[in-house]
Amino acid sequence: QVQLVESGGGLVQAGDSLRLSCAASGRTFSNYVMGWFRQAPGKEREIVAVIGWSGTYAYYADSVKGRFTVSRDNAKNTVYLQMNSLKPEDTADYYCAADRLFTAVEKGECDYWGLGTQVTVSS
């Protein structure tokens, strides 16, 4: 089992920055690909970013490319999502997820999910 706990969400204004964290426990963190997903009210969940086991490979959704940066610290069992130049359309619940397979994370078919942290961006 892997337990994931997100933190760092909040209410900000457009153009502000936030850094989300996701702390993992339970299994060897470096064995897992980590993903960030979000779900806005009334919308389907969408992928935001994915980071590989060592952190050298990352994928970003087009909607966040150039504004968001995903990183991980395997010594701290934590993955981060730095969000800059936030827009009202970034408002959503943000979830981190883990799976051993990159393809599973890309598809949103992860074995482990956190409970989420809410991000609200006002205009």
Protein backbone atom coordinates (compact mmCIF):
# COMPACT_ATOMS: atom_id res chain seq x y z
CA GLN A 1 0.00 0.00 0.00
CA VAL A 2 1.02 3.56 -0.69
CA GLN A 3 -0.55 6.43 1.18
CA LEU A 4 -0.58 9.84 -0.50
CA VAL A 5 -1.37 13.13 1.20
CA GLU A 6 -1.59 16.37 -0.77
CA SER A 7 -1.14 19.82 0.69
CA GLY A 8 -0.57 23.39 -0.42
CA GLY A 9 -3.87 24.26 -2.00
CA GLY A 10 -5.69 27.49 -1.34
CA LEU A 11 -7.37 30.59 -2.67
CA VAL A 12 -5.19 32.85 -4.81
CA GLN A 13 -5.61 35.55 -7.41
CA ALA A 14 -4.94 35.18 -11.10
CA GLY A 15 -1.24 35.48 -11.80
CA ASP A 16 -0.21 34.15 -8.39
CA SER A 17 1.76 31.01 -7.67
CA LEU A 18 1.19 27.98 -5.49
CA ARG A 19 3.26 24.91 -4.75
CA LEU A 20 1.45 21.68 -4.08
CA SER A 21 3.13 18.85 -2.24
CA CYS A 22 2.27 15.19 -2.08
CA ALA A 23 3.85 13.14 0.67
CA ALA A 24 4.01 9.40 0.14
CA SER A 25 4.45 6.61 2.63
CA GLY A 26 4.22 2.88 2.75
CA ARG A 27 6.39 1.60 -0.07
CA THR A 28 9.62 2.51 -1.82
CA PHE A 29 8.75 5.88 -3.32
CA SER A 30 11.32 5.73 -6.09
CA ASN A 31 9.61 2.65 -7.52
CA TYR A 32 6.58 4.71 -8.48
CA VAL A 33 5.76 7.06 -11.29
CA MET A 34 3.86 10.02 -9.87
CA GLY A 35 1.11 12.01 -11.47
CA TRP A 36 -0.87 15.13 -10.74
CA PHE A 37 -4.48 15.28 -11.85
CA ARG A 38 -7.24 17.78 -11.37
CA GLN A 39 -11.00 17.86 -11.49
CA ALA A 40 -13.00 21.03 -11.79
CA PRO A 41 -16.65 21.21 -10.71
CA GLY A 42 -18.84 19.57 -13.31
CA LYS A 43 -15.90 18.39 -15.38
CA GLU A 44 -14.05 15.15 -15.81
CA ARG A 45 -10.74 14.51 -14.16
CA GLU A 46 -7.79 15.47 -16.33
CA ILE A 47 -4.10 14.82 -16.22
CA VAL A 48 -1.87 17.73 -15.30
CA ALA A 49 1.67 16.35 -15.09
CA VAL A 50 3.57 13.12 -14.74
CA ILE A 51 7.08 12.54 -13.47
CA GLY A 52 9.16 9.41 -13.89
CA TRP A 53 10.81 7.33 -11.21
CA SER A 54 14.04 9.33 -11.04
CA GLY A 55 12.56 12.67 -11.97
CA THR A 56 14.44 13.03 -15.23
CA TYR A 57 11.35 12.65 -17.39
CA ALA A 58 8.21 14.71 -17.09
CA TYR A 59 5.03 15.14 -19.09
CA TYR A 60 2.71 18.15 -19.01
CA ALA A 61 -0.76 18.76 -20.30
CA ASP A 62 -0.81 21.47 -22.94
CA SER A 63 -2.98 23.64 -20.71
CA VAL A 64 -0.24 23.94 -18.08
CA LYS A 65 2.92 23.63 -20.14
CA GLY A 66 5.30 26.50 -19.43
CA ARG A 67 3.45 27.48 -16.22
CA PHE A 68 3.58 24.35 -14.05
CA THR A 69 6.63 22.32 -13.04
CA VAL A 70 6.55 18.86 -11.51
CA SER A 71 9.45 17.61 -9.42
CA ARG A 72 10.18 14.96 -6.86
CA ASP A 73 12.50 14.40 -3.95
CA ASN A 74 12.92 10.68 -3.49
CA ALA A 75 14.84 11.21 -0.25
CA LYS A 76 11.79 12.97 1.18
CA ASN A 77 9.19 10.73 -0.51
CA THR A 78 7.52 13.82 -1.88
CA VAL A 79 6.40 15.07 -5.26
CA TYR A 80 5.72 18.72 -5.95
CA LEU A 81 3.74 20.76 -8.41
CA GLN A 82 4.90 24.33 -8.76
CA MET A 83 2.10 26.34 -10.34
CA ASN A 84 2.91 29.79 -11.69
CA SER A 85 0.83 32.34 -13.55
CA LEU A 86 -2.34 30.75 -12.27
CA LYS A 87 -5.55 31.32 -14.18
CA PRO A 88 -9.18 31.03 -13.07
CA GLU A 89 -9.49 27.96 -15.29
CA ASP A 90 -6.90 26.23 -13.09
CA THR A 91 -9.51 26.14 -10.31
CA ALA A 92 -10.01 22.50 -9.37
CA ASP A 93 -9.34 19.79 -6.83
CA TYR A 94 -5.81 18.54 -7.40
CA TYR A 95 -4.88 14.94 -6.77
CA CYS A 96 -1.61 13.10 -6.79
CA ALA A 97 -1.45 9.49 -7.81
CA ALA A 98 1.12 6.72 -7.99
CA ASP A 99 1.69 3.65 -10.06
CA ARG A 100 4.68 1.52 -10.98
CA LEU A 101 3.90 1.91 -14.69
CA PHE A 102 4.25 5.15 -16.65
CA THR A 103 1.50 4.16 -19.04
CA ALA A 104 -0.91 3.59 -16.16
CA VAL A 105 -0.31 7.07 -14.81
CA GLU A 106 -0.67 8.61 -18.27
CA LYS A 107 -4.05 6.91 -18.58
CA GLY A 108 -5.12 7.89 -15.08
CA GLU A 109 -5.34 4.25 -14.10
CA CYS A 110 -3.21 4.51 -10.98
CA ASP A 111 -3.15 2.10 -8.12
CA TYR A 112 -2.95 4.80 -5.45
CA TRP A 113 -4.61 8.18 -5.08
CA GLY A 114 -4.56 10.95 -2.55
CA LEU A 115 -7.68 12.67 -1.26
CA GLY A 116 -6.90 15.91 -3.03
CA THR A 117 -6.30 19.55 -2.25
CA GLN A 118 -8.44 22.39 -3.49
CA VAL A 119 -7.08 25.23 -5.60
CA THR A 120 -9.22 28.26 -6.30
CA VAL A 121 -8.02 31.04 -8.55
CA SER A 122 -10.02 34.24 -8.53
CA SER A 123 -10.02 36.66 -11.44
